[in-house]
C-alpha atoms as a PDB file:
ATOM      1  CA  MET A   1      97.753  63.800 106.566  1.00  0.00           C
ATOM      2  CA  GLY A   2      97.294  61.410 109.470  1.00  0.00           C
ATOM      3  CA  GLU A   3     100.066  62.957 111.587  1.00  0.00           C
ATOM      4  CA  THR A   4      98.801  66.463 110.891  1.00  0.00           C
ATOM      5  CA  SER A   5      95.244  65.557 111.824  1.00  0.00           C
ATOM      6  CA  THR A   6      96.354  63.881 115.040  1.00  0.00           C
ATOM      7  CA  ALA A   7      98.430  66.881 116.059  1.00  0.00           C
ATOM      8  CA  ALA A   8      95.593  69.214 115.202  1.00  0.00           C
ATOM      9  CA  ASP A   9      93.099  67.202 117.230  1.00  0.00           C
ATOM     10  CA  LYS A  10      95.284  67.511 120.345  1.00  0.00           C
ATOM     11  CA  ASN A  11      95.016  71.285 119.981  1.00  0.00           C
ATOM     12  CA  GLY A  12      91.262  71.276 119.528  1.00  0.00           C
ATOM     13  CA  PHE A  13      91.198  71.386 115.722  1.00  0.00           C
ATOM     14  CA  GLN A  14      89.016  68.905 113.855  1.00  0.00           C
ATOM     15  CA  ALA A  15      90.001  68.893 110.197  1.00  0.00           C
ATOM     16  CA  SER A  16      88.837  66.454 107.542  1.00  0.00           C
ATOM     17  CA  ALA A  17      89.971  66.017 103.964  1.00  0.00           C
ATOM     18  CA  TRP A  18      86.980  68.153 102.904  1.00  0.00           C
ATOM     19  CA  HIS A  19      88.108  71.004 105.158  1.00  0.00           C
ATOM     20  CA  PHE A  20      91.619  70.853 103.712  1.00  0.00           C
ATOM     21  CA  ALA A  21      90.246  70.773 100.163  1.00  0.00           C
ATOM     22  CA  ALA A  22      88.043  73.795 100.959  1.00  0.00           C
ATOM     23  CA  LEU A  23      91.027  75.663 102.416  1.00  0.00           C
ATOM     24  CA  ILE A  24      93.124  75.120  99.284  1.00  0.00           C
ATOM     25  CA  ALA A  25      90.220  75.706  96.863  1.00  0.00           C
ATOM     26  CA  GLY A  26      89.320  78.963  98.607  1.00  0.00           C
ATOM     27  CA  ASN A  27      92.868  80.251  98.238  1.00  0.00           C
ATOM     28  CA  VAL A  28      93.012  79.222  94.580  1.00  0.00           C
ATOM     29  CA  ALA A  29      89.713  81.018  93.900  1.00  0.00           C
ATOM     30  CA  LEU A  30      91.054  84.190  95.520  1.00  0.00           C
ATOM     31  CA  ALA A  31      94.335  83.908  93.613  1.00  0.00           C
ATOM     32  CA  LEU A  32      92.470  84.000  90.284  1.00  0.00           C
ATOM     33  CA  GLY A  33      91.071  87.449  91.114  1.00  0.00           C
ATOM     34  CA  PRO A  34      93.930  89.480  89.564  1.00  0.00           C
ATOM     35  CA  TRP A  35      93.661  87.504  86.317  1.00  0.00           C
ATOM     36  CA  LEU A  36      89.918  88.228  86.115  1.00  0.00           C
ATOM     37  CA  VAL A  37      90.536  91.922  86.795  1.00  0.00           C
ATOM     38  CA  ARG A  38      92.753  92.008  83.703  1.00  0.00           C
ATOM     39  CA  LEU A  39      90.215  90.090  81.612  1.00  0.00           C
ATOM     40  CA  ALA A  40      87.415  92.530  82.448  1.00  0.00           C
ATOM     41  CA  ASP A  41      87.190  95.386  79.953  1.00  0.00           C
ATOM     42  CA  THR A  42      85.740  97.762  82.503  1.00  0.00           C
ATOM     43  CA  GLY A  43      88.221  99.971  84.311  1.00  0.00           C
ATOM     44  CA  PRO A  44      90.108  98.349  87.211  1.00  0.00           C
ATOM     45  CA  VAL A  45      88.222 100.331  89.860  1.00  0.00           C
ATOM     46  CA  SER A  46      84.941  99.606  88.060  1.00  0.00           C
ATOM     47  CA  ALA A  47      85.761  95.895  88.226  1.00  0.00           C
ATOM     48  CA  GLY A  48      86.164  96.364  91.990  1.00  0.00           C
ATOM     49  CA  PHE A  49      82.700  97.924  92.133  1.00  0.00           C
ATOM     50  CA  TRP A  50      81.107  94.984  90.328  1.00  0.00           C
ATOM     51  CA  ARG A  51      82.934  92.380  92.441  1.00  0.00           C
ATOM     52  CA  LEU A  52      81.457  93.909  95.597  1.00  0.00           C
ATOM     53  CA  PHE A  53      78.049  94.912  94.243  1.00  0.00           C
ATOM     54  CA  LEU A  54      76.968  91.778  92.362  1.00  0.00           C
ATOM     55  CA  PRO A  55      77.187  89.259  95.257  1.00  0.00           C
ATOM     56  CA  ILE A  56      75.341  91.510  97.740  1.00  0.00           C
ATOM     57  CA  PRO A  57      72.036  89.523  97.471  1.00  0.00           C
ATOM     58  CA  LEU A  58      73.818  86.222  98.232  1.00  0.00           C
ATOM     59  CA  ILE A  59      75.807  87.755 101.089  1.00  0.00           C
ATOM     60  CA  ALA A  60      72.640  89.396 102.464  1.00  0.00           C
ATOM     61  CA  PHE A  61      70.881  86.012 102.490  1.00  0.00           C
ATOM     62  CA  LEU A  62      73.772  84.402 104.396  1.00  0.00           C
ATOM     63  CA  ALA A  63      73.894  87.351 106.809  1.00  0.00           C
ATOM     64  CA  TRP A  64      70.152  86.980 107.433  1.00  0.00           C
ATOM     65  CA  ARG A  65      70.505  83.246 108.109  1.00  0.00           C
ATOM     66  CA  GLY A  66      73.391  83.789 110.528  1.00  0.00           C
ATOM     67  CA  ARG A  67      71.973  86.885 112.233  1.00  0.00           C
ATOM     68  CA  THR A  68      72.025  87.158 116.021  1.00  0.00           C
ATOM     69  CA  PRO A  69      68.849  88.133 117.896  1.00  0.00           C
ATOM     70  CA  GLY A  70      68.554  91.593 119.355  1.00  0.00           C
ATOM     71  CA  PRO A  71      69.201  95.145 118.085  1.00  0.00           C
ATOM     72  CA  LEU A  72      72.232  95.962 115.979  1.00  0.00           C
ATOM     73  CA  ASP A  73      75.149  97.318 117.994  1.00  0.00           C
ATOM     74  CA  ARG A  74      75.666 100.783 116.529  1.00  0.00           C
ATOM     75  CA  ARG A  75      79.301 101.039 117.628  1.00  0.00           C
ATOM     76  CA  LEU A  76      80.170  97.759 115.948  1.00  0.00           C
ATOM     77  CA  ALA A  77      78.187  98.754 112.859  1.00  0.00           C
ATOM     78  CA  LEU A  78      80.207 101.988 112.720  1.00  0.00           C
ATOM     79  CA  LEU A  79      83.399  99.936 112.884  1.00  0.00           C
ATOM     80  CA  ALA A  80      82.139  97.922 109.899  1.00  0.00           C
ATOM     81  CA  VAL A  81      81.471 101.192 108.026  1.00  0.00           C
ATOM     82  CA  VAL A  82      85.025 102.393 108.730  1.00  0.00           C
ATOM     83  CA  ALA A  83      86.291  99.006 107.526  1.00  0.00           C
ATOM     84  CA  GLY A  84      84.252  99.477 104.339  1.00  0.00           C
ATOM     85  CA  VAL A  85      85.935 102.810 103.593  1.00  0.00           C
ATOM     86  CA  PHE A  86      89.419 101.313 103.927  1.00  0.00           C
ATOM     87  CA  PHE A  87      88.351  98.264 101.938  1.00  0.00           C
ATOM     88  CA  ALA A  88      87.229 100.514  99.071  1.00  0.00           C
ATOM     89  CA  LEU A  89      90.648 102.214  99.093  1.00  0.00           C
ATOM     90  CA  ASP A  90      92.321  98.805  99.263  1.00  0.00           C
ATOM     91  CA  ILE A  91      90.392  97.367  96.300  1.00  0.00           C
ATOM     92  CA  ALA A  92      90.775 100.509  94.177  1.00  0.00           C
ATOM     93  CA  SER A  93      94.525 100.727  94.738  1.00  0.00           C
ATOM     94  CA  TRP A  94      95.077  96.980  94.348  1.00  0.00           C
ATOM     95  CA  HIS A  95      93.111  96.723  91.099  1.00  0.00           C
ATOM     96  CA  VAL A  96      95.009  99.662  89.600  1.00  0.00           C
ATOM     97  CA  GLY A  97      98.263  97.990  90.649  1.00  0.00           C
ATOM     98  CA  ILE A  98      97.198  94.651  89.142  1.00  0.00           C
ATOM     99  CA  GLU A  99      96.923  96.340  85.754  1.00  0.00           C
ATOM    100  CA  GLN A 100     100.496  97.657  85.972  1.00  0.00           C
ATOM    101  CA  THR A 101     102.638  94.974  87.616  1.00  0.00           C
ATOM    102  CA  ARG A 102     103.155  91.209  87.579  1.00  0.00           C
ATOM    103  CA  LEU A 103     100.408  89.080  89.102  1.00  0.00           C
ATOM    104  CA  GLY A 104     102.738  87.409  91.609  1.00  0.00           C
ATOM    105  CA  ASN A 105     103.956  90.800  92.841  1.00  0.00           C
ATOM    106  CA  ALA A 106     100.394  92.094  93.083  1.00  0.00           C
ATOM    107  CA  VAL A 107      99.272  89.237  95.345  1.00  0.00           C
ATOM    108  CA  LEU A 108     102.366  89.372  97.574  1.00  0.00           C
ATOM    109  CA  PHE A 109     102.315  93.145  98.037  1.00  0.00           C
ATOM    110  CA  GLY A 110      98.537  93.164  98.371  1.00  0.00           C
ATOM    111  CA  ASN A 111      98.862  90.798 101.353  1.00  0.00           C
ATOM    112  CA  SER A 112     101.600  92.867 102.989  1.00  0.00           C
ATOM    113  CA  GLY A 113      99.017  94.089 105.493  1.00  0.00           C
ATOM    114  CA  SER A 114      99.780  90.948 107.505  1.00  0.00           C
ATOM    115  CA  VAL A 115     103.283  92.212 108.267  1.00  0.00           C
ATOM    116  CA  ILE A 116     101.841  95.620 109.186  1.00  0.00           C
ATOM    117  CA  LEU A 117      99.375  93.974 111.559  1.00  0.00           C
ATOM    118  CA  MET A 118     102.185  91.992 113.183  1.00  0.00           C
ATOM    119  CA  LEU A 119     104.026  95.256 113.868  1.00  0.00           C
ATOM    120  CA  TRP A 120     100.805  96.833 115.128  1.00  0.00           C
ATOM    121  CA  GLY A 121     100.360  93.910 117.532  1.00  0.00           C
ATOM    122  CA  LEU A 122     103.876  94.414 118.884  1.00  0.00           C
ATOM    123  CA  ILE A 123     103.240  98.124 119.396  1.00  0.00           C
ATOM    124  CA  ALA A 124      99.953  97.382 121.176  1.00  0.00           C
ATOM    125  CA  LEU A 125     101.702  94.897 123.491  1.00  0.00           C
ATOM    126  CA  ARG A 126     104.569  97.368 124.023  1.00  0.00           C
ATOM    127  CA  ARG A 127     107.305  94.816 123.667  1.00  0.00           C
ATOM    128  CA  ALA A 128     110.294  94.224 121.428  1.00  0.00           C
ATOM    129  CA  PRO A 129     109.926  91.731 118.568  1.00  0.00           C
ATOM    130  CA  SER A 130     111.055  88.161 119.080  1.00  0.00           C
ATOM    131  CA  ILE A 131     113.753  86.634 116.890  1.00  0.00           C
ATOM    132  CA  ARG A 132     111.094  85.107 114.628  1.00  0.00           C
ATOM    133  CA  GLU A 133     109.158  88.361 114.347  1.00  0.00           C
ATOM    134  CA  GLY A 134     112.317  90.367 113.682  1.00  0.00           C
ATOM    135  CA  ALA A 135     113.310  87.853 111.016  1.00  0.00           C
ATOM    136  CA  GLY A 136     109.863  88.258 109.423  1.00  0.00           C
ATOM    137  CA  VAL A 137     110.217  92.041 109.226  1.00  0.00           C
ATOM    138  CA  LEU A 138     113.742  91.810 107.777  1.00  0.00           C
ATOM    139  CA  ALA A 139     112.607  89.207 105.237  1.00  0.00           C
ATOM    140  CA  ALA A 140     109.695  91.442 104.218  1.00  0.00           C
ATOM    141  CA  LEU A 141     111.970  94.445 103.728  1.00  0.00           C
ATOM    142  CA  ALA A 142     114.554  92.433 101.778  1.00  0.00           C
ATOM    143  CA  GLY A 143     111.947  90.729  99.579  1.00  0.00           C
ATOM    144  CA  ALA A 144     110.134  93.988  98.882  1.00  0.00           C
ATOM    145  CA  ALA A 145     113.419  95.736  98.012  1.00  0.00           C
ATOM    146  CA  ILE A 146     114.363  92.976  95.554  1.00  0.00           C
ATOM    147  CA  LEU A 147     110.963  92.918  93.858  1.00  0.00           C
ATOM    148  CA  LEU A 148     110.723  96.709  93.688  1.00  0.00           C
ATOM    149  CA  GLY A 149     114.233  96.892  92.251  1.00  0.00           C
ATOM    150  CA  ARG A 150     113.408  94.272  89.627  1.00  0.00           C
ATOM    151  CA  SER A 151     110.195  96.124  88.714  1.00  0.00           C
ATOM    152  CA  LEU A 152     112.119  99.355  88.258  1.00  0.00           C
ATOM    153  CA  GLU A 153     114.536  97.500  85.962  1.00  0.00           C
ATOM    154  CA  ILE A 154     111.620  96.286  83.827  1.00  0.00           C
ATOM    155  CA  SER A 155     109.817  99.647  83.607  1.00  0.00           C
ATOM    156  CA  THR A 156     108.631 102.537  85.729  1.00  0.00           C
ATOM    157  CA  ALA A 157     105.058 101.333  85.108  1.00  0.00           C
ATOM    158  CA  THR A 158     105.589  98.029  86.960  1.00  0.00           C
ATOM    159  CA  PHE A 159     107.359  99.900  89.777  1.00  0.00           C
ATOM    160  CA  ILE A 160     104.372 102.224  90.177  1.00  0.00           C
ATOM    161  CA  GLY A 161     102.077  99.191  90.050  1.00  0.00           C
ATOM    162  CA  ASP A 162     104.005  97.645  92.945  1.00  0.00           C
ATOM    163  CA  LEU A 163     103.615 100.869  94.937  1.00  0.00           C
ATOM    164  CA  PHE A 164      99.848 100.817  94.343  1.00  0.00           C
ATOM    165  CA  CYS A 165      99.742  97.221  95.617  1.00  0.00           C
ATOM    166  CA  LEU A 166     101.829  98.137  98.670  1.00  0.00           C
ATOM    167  CA  PHE A 167      99.418 100.974  99.453  1.00  0.00           C
ATOM    168  CA  ALA A 168      96.583  98.470  99.072  1.00  0.00           C
ATOM    169  CA  GLY A 169      98.288  96.241 101.643  1.00  0.00           C
ATOM    170  CA  LEU A 170      98.431  99.181 104.052  1.00  0.00           C
ATOM    171  CA  CYS A 171      94.725  99.936 103.535  1.00  0.00           C
ATOM    172  CA  TYR A 172      93.932  96.231 103.952  1.00  0.00           C
ATOM    173  CA  ALA A 173      95.551  96.264 107.403  1.00  0.00           C
ATOM    174  CA  PHE A 174      93.378  99.211 108.432  1.00  0.00           C
ATOM    175  CA  TYR A 175      90.358  97.387 106.987  1.00  0.00           C
ATOM    176  CA  LEU A 176      91.025  94.268 109.053  1.00  0.00           C
ATOM    177  CA  LEU A 177      91.528  96.044 112.392  1.00  0.00           C
ATOM    178  CA  PRO A 178      87.944  97.369 112.729  1.00  0.00           C
ATOM    179  CA  ALA A 179      86.457  94.458 110.757  1.00  0.00           C
ATOM    180  CA  GLN A 180      87.914  91.864 113.139  1.00  0.00           C
ATOM    181  CA  LYS A 181      86.404  93.617 116.161  1.00  0.00           C
ATOM    182  CA  ALA A 182      82.967  93.832 114.562  1.00  0.00           C
ATOM    183  CA  ARG A 183      83.099  90.286 113.170  1.00  0.00           C
ATOM    184  CA  GLY A 184      83.357  88.672 116.606  1.00  0.00           C
ATOM    185  CA  VAL A 185      79.855  89.882 117.543  1.00  0.00           C
ATOM    186  CA  LEU A 186      78.026  90.640 114.305  1.00  0.00           C
ATOM    187  CA  GLY A 187      79.277  87.588 112.415  1.00  0.00           C
ATOM    188  CA  GLN A 188      81.369  87.130 109.264  1.00  0.00           C
ATOM    189  CA  TRP A 189      78.616  87.583 106.693  1.00  0.00           C
ATOM    190  CA  SER A 190      76.935  90.532 108.418  1.00  0.00           C
ATOM    191  CA  VAL A 191      80.218  92.429 108.505  1.00  0.00           C
ATOM    192  CA  LEU A 192      80.986  91.508 104.898  1.00  0.00           C
ATOM    193  CA  LEU A 193      77.512  92.737 103.892  1.00  0.00           C
ATOM    194  CA  LEU A 194      78.028  96.098 105.624  1.00  0.00           C
ATOM    195  CA  VAL A 195      81.484  96.411 104.067  1.00  0.00           C
ATOM    196  CA  CYS A 196      80.120  95.715 100.575  1.00  0.00           C
ATOM    197  CA  LEU A 197      77.254  98.193 101.044  1.00  0.00           C
ATOM    198  CA  VAL A 198      79.713 100.914 102.055  1.00  0.00           C
ATOM    199  CA  ALA A 199      82.601 100.128  99.692  1.00  0.00           C
ATOM    200  CA  SER A 200      80.700  99.478  96.446  1.00  0.00           C
ATOM    201  CA  PRO A 201      79.220 103.006  96.023  1.00  0.00           C
ATOM    202  CA  LEU A 202      82.581 104.516  96.976  1.00  0.00           C
ATOM    203  CA  LEU A 203      84.270 102.440  94.270  1.00  0.00           C
ATOM    204  CA  LEU A 204      81.623 103.442  91.743  1.00  0.00           C
ATOM    205  CA  GLY A 205      82.190 107.097  92.589  1.00  0.00           C
ATOM    206  CA  MET A 206      85.963 106.730  92.222  1.00  0.00           C
ATOM    207  CA  ALA A 207      85.565 104.930  88.881  1.00  0.00           C
ATOM    208  CA  VAL A 208      83.256 107.620  87.494  1.00  0.00           C
ATOM    209  CA  ALA A 209      85.542 110.401  88.776  1.00  0.00           C
ATOM    210  CA  ALA A 210      88.513 108.706  87.067  1.00  0.00           C
ATOM    211  CA  GLY A 211      86.590 108.505  83.793  1.00  0.00           C
ATOM    212  CA  GLU A 212      86.703 104.703  83.678  1.00  0.00           C
ATOM    213  CA  PRO A 213      84.248 102.628  81.631  1.00  0.00           C
ATOM    214  CA  VAL A 214      81.866 101.083  84.142  1.00  0.00           C
ATOM    215  CA  TRP A 215      79.644  98.905  81.965  1.00  0.00           C
ATOM    216  CA  PRO A 216      81.301  95.770  80.502  1.00  0.00           C
ATOM    217  CA  GLY A 217      82.094  95.995  76.784  1.00  0.00           C
ATOM    218  CA  GLU A 218      83.112  93.342  74.280  1.00  0.00           C
ATOM    219  CA  ALA A 219      84.444  90.986  76.974  1.00  0.00           C
ATOM    220  CA  GLY A 220      80.906  90.806  78.350  1.00  0.00           C
ATOM    221  CA  TRP A 221      79.773  90.038  81.875  1.00  0.00           C
ATOM    222  CA  THR A 222      81.671  86.769  82.292  1.00  0.00           C
ATOM    223  CA  PRO A 223      84.899  88.206  83.814  1.00  0.00           C
ATOM    224  CA  VAL A 224      83.129  90.466  86.322  1.00  0.00           C
ATOM    225  CA  LEU A 225      80.624  87.752  87.278  1.00  0.00           C
ATOM    226  CA  LEU A 226      83.434  85.242  87.827  1.00  0.00           C
ATOM    227  CA  LEU A 227      85.370  87.869  89.780  1.00  0.00           C
ATOM    228  CA  ALA A 228      82.403  88.542  92.044  1.00  0.00           C
ATOM    229  CA  LEU A 229      81.698  84.854  92.631  1.00  0.00           C
ATOM    230  CA  SER A 230      85.302  83.713  93.054  1.00  0.00           C
ATOM    231  CA  SER A 231      86.596  86.585  95.188  1.00  0.00           C
ATOM    232  CA  GLN A 232      83.617  87.646  97.279  1.00  0.00           C
ATOM    233  CA  PHE A 233      81.568  84.482  97.563  1.00  0.00           C
ATOM    234  CA  ILE A 234      83.323  81.204  96.713  1.00  0.00           C
ATOM    235  CA  GLY A 235      86.774  82.129  97.999  1.00  0.00           C
ATOM    236  CA  GLN A 236      85.570  83.805 101.182  1.00  0.00           C
ATOM    237  CA  GLY A 237      82.836  81.196 101.714  1.00  0.00           C
ATOM    238  CA  LEU A 238      85.259  78.276 101.518  1.00  0.00           C
ATOM    239  CA  LEU A 239      87.681  80.018 103.853  1.00  0.00           C
ATOM    240  CA  VAL A 240      84.939  80.767 106.395  1.00  0.00           C
ATOM    241  CA  TYR A 241      83.983  77.079 106.234  1.00  0.00           C
ATOM    242  CA  SER A 242      87.544  75.790 106.690  1.00  0.00           C
ATOM    243  CA  LEU A 243      89.591  78.285 108.723  1.00  0.00           C
ATOM    244  CA  LYS A 244      88.320  77.309 112.175  1.00  0.00           C
ATOM    245  CA  HIS A 245      89.452  73.728 111.651  1.00  0.00           C
ATOM    246  CA  PHE A 246      93.180  74.484 111.258  1.00  0.00           C
ATOM    247  CA  PRO A 247      95.960  75.954 113.402  1.00  0.00           C
ATOM    248  CA  PRO A 248      97.504  79.274 112.264  1.00  0.00           C
ATOM    249  CA  LEU A 249     100.631  77.606 110.816  1.00  0.00           C
ATOM    250  CA  ILE A 250      98.601  75.491 108.365  1.00  0.00           C
ATOM    251  CA  ILE A 251      96.458  78.497 107.460  1.00  0.00           C
ATOM    252  CA  GLY A 252      99.526  80.639 106.823  1.00  0.00           C
ATOM    253  CA  MET A 253     101.120  77.996 104.618  1.00  0.00           C
ATOM    254  CA  ALA A 254      97.884  77.496 102.662  1.00  0.00           C
ATOM    255  CA  LEU A 255      97.540  81.246 102.076  1.00  0.00           C
ATOM    256  CA  LEU A 256     100.938  81.241 100.399  1.00  0.00           C
ATOM    257  CA  THR A 257      99.448  79.206  97.557  1.00  0.00           C
ATOM    258  CA  GLN A 258      97.880  82.472  96.354  1.00  0.00           C
ATOM    259  CA  PRO A 259     101.070  84.159  95.069  1.00  0.00           C
ATOM    260  CA  ALA A 260     102.220  80.830  93.606  1.00  0.00           C
ATOM    261  CA  VAL A 261      98.983  80.424  91.640  1.00  0.00           C
ATOM    262  CA  ALA A 262      98.995  84.089  90.561  1.00  0.00           C
ATOM    263  CA  ALA A 263     102.625  83.895  89.393  1.00  0.00           C
ATOM    264  CA  THR A 264     101.843  80.704  87.443  1.00  0.00           C
ATOM    265  CA  VAL A 265      98.867  82.366  85.718  1.00  0.00           C
ATOM    266  CA  GLY A 266     101.020  85.402  84.943  1.00  0.00           C
ATOM    267  CA  TRP A 267     103.639  83.152  83.384  1.00  0.00           C
ATOM    268  CA  PHE A 268     101.306  81.034  81.239  1.00  0.00           C
ATOM    269  CA  VAL A 269      98.754  83.671  80.228  1.00  0.00           C
ATOM    270  CA  PHE A 270     100.708  86.931  80.143  1.00  0.00           C
ATOM    271  CA  GLY A 271     104.281  85.692  79.627  1.00  0.00           C
ATOM    272  CA  GLU A 272     105.509  87.243  82.894  1.00  0.00           C
ATOM    273  CA  MET A 273     108.803  85.377  83.166  1.00  0.00           C
ATOM    274  CA  LEU A 274     110.541  85.070  86.527  1.00  0.00           C
ATOM    275  CA  VAL A 275     114.322  85.112  86.924  1.00  0.00           C
ATOM    276  CA  PRO A 276     116.083  83.612  89.988  1.00  0.00           C
ATOM    277  CA  LEU A 277     116.261  87.044  91.666  1.00  0.00           C
ATOM    278  CA  ASP A 278     112.469  87.396  91.331  1.00  0.00           C
ATOM    279  CA  VAL A 279     112.015  83.980  92.922  1.00  0.00           C
ATOM    280  CA  LEU A 280     114.324  84.971  95.802  1.00  0.00           C
ATOM    281  CA  GLY A 281     112.378  88.177  96.439  1.00  0.00           C
ATOM    282  CA  MET A 282     109.064  86.318  96.344  1.00  0.00           C
ATOM    283  CA  ALA A 283     110.401  83.624  98.671  1.00  0.00           C
ATOM    284  CA  LEU A 284     111.591  86.216 101.211  1.00  0.00           C
ATOM    285  CA  LEU A 285     108.312  88.121 101.137  1.00  0.00           C
ATOM    286  CA  ALA A 286     106.305  84.882 101.298  1.00  0.00           C
ATOM    287  CA  ALA A 287     108.321  83.747 104.316  1.00  0.00           C
ATOM    288  CA  ALA A 288     107.617  87.106 105.985  1.00  0.00           C
ATOM    289  CA  LEU A 289     103.887  86.740 105.330  1.00  0.00           C
ATOM    290  CA  LEU A 290     103.926  83.230 106.781  1.00  0.00           C
ATOM    291  CA  LEU A 291     105.708  84.420 109.927  1.00  0.00           C
ATOM    292  CA  ALA A 292     103.336  87.376 110.238  1.00  0.00           C
ATOM    293  CA  ARG A 293     100.208  85.260 109.909  1.00  0.00           C
ATOM    294  CA  THR A 294     101.361  82.783 112.572  1.00  0.00           C
ATOM    295  CA  ALA A 295     102.809  85.300 115.043  1.00  0.00           C
ATOM    296  CA  PRO A 296     100.955  85.379 118.429  1.00  0.00           C
ATOM    297  CA  PRO A 297     100.466  89.174 118.769  1.00  0.00           C
ATOM    298  CA  ALA A 298      98.599  89.626 115.494  1.00  0.00           C
ATOM    299  CA  ARG A 299      96.719  86.515 114.473  1.00  0.00           C
ATOM    300  CA  VAL A 300      95.072  87.435 111.207  1.00  0.00           C
ATOM    301  CA  PRO A 301      94.036  84.186 109.503  1.00  0.00           C
ATOM    302  CA  ASN A 302      91.957  85.968 106.924  1.00  0.00           C
ATOM    303  CA  ALA A 303      92.978  86.051 103.308  1.00  0.00           C
ATOM    304  CA  ARG A 304      92.393  89.199 101.409  1.00  0.00           C
ATOM    305  CA  PRO A 305      89.165  88.988  99.442  1.00  0.00           C
ATOM    306  CA  GLY A 306      90.845  88.214  96.223  1.00  0.00           C
END
């Protein structure tokens, strides 16, 4: 830890043991989200509604405390609204996928937006990918092909679940692009508040249209309350507290604890056994995510909201 801290200090990063603990704890909290989605006896999209709706008062309080003086920039607020629409699509698709595939796959494919953003950054800069970036794209394609092939071997249901999670990763990339622009001026919590205010009614509408149960049943409120606190408040709050203290490489490596935790939960709780080929696919996709999150053209140190 001493060598890492010294190296970080030379680059302007001031990280303590508390910051590192917050970084890891935030990722663990987000990684438990898919498990809680399965525990909730609402529909998967309904669980997404509750996870965004319930913490709105806490997020609103934090947004009020961190507000900047002056009138609200309407253009940036519109960007946050657009981000909210894509976030609703992301959460809806991801939660449906979580119900149908393995937890490790869900987290890896749900974070695939990082690779998409890396490619977007290269297109914006109008240059060819470097060796590292090209290796990241190839690793992502190879890992995704292995995991999709394994899912199709297990059942068509898990294959479709993977596709839902991949679509969620695409929507997550288009959520981050406008959200990042708005966040620089409006602040993290103000943007998150606007996103929740836009996305939660959209999710409720989708859940009702799909005929899902919205109100918790026999499982009670515990799963949805824990989902809301862990994914939208604790996980994001700890990451906001810790991210600025670490270089992108450390952040990228820490974010890879999410699929590891999710796969472990899937193994112990749901008996989702992994064979060596699964591990290879996960390792390739995880390596691609790490390269994408640390690549210069598309620095996106934000974890998905669980």
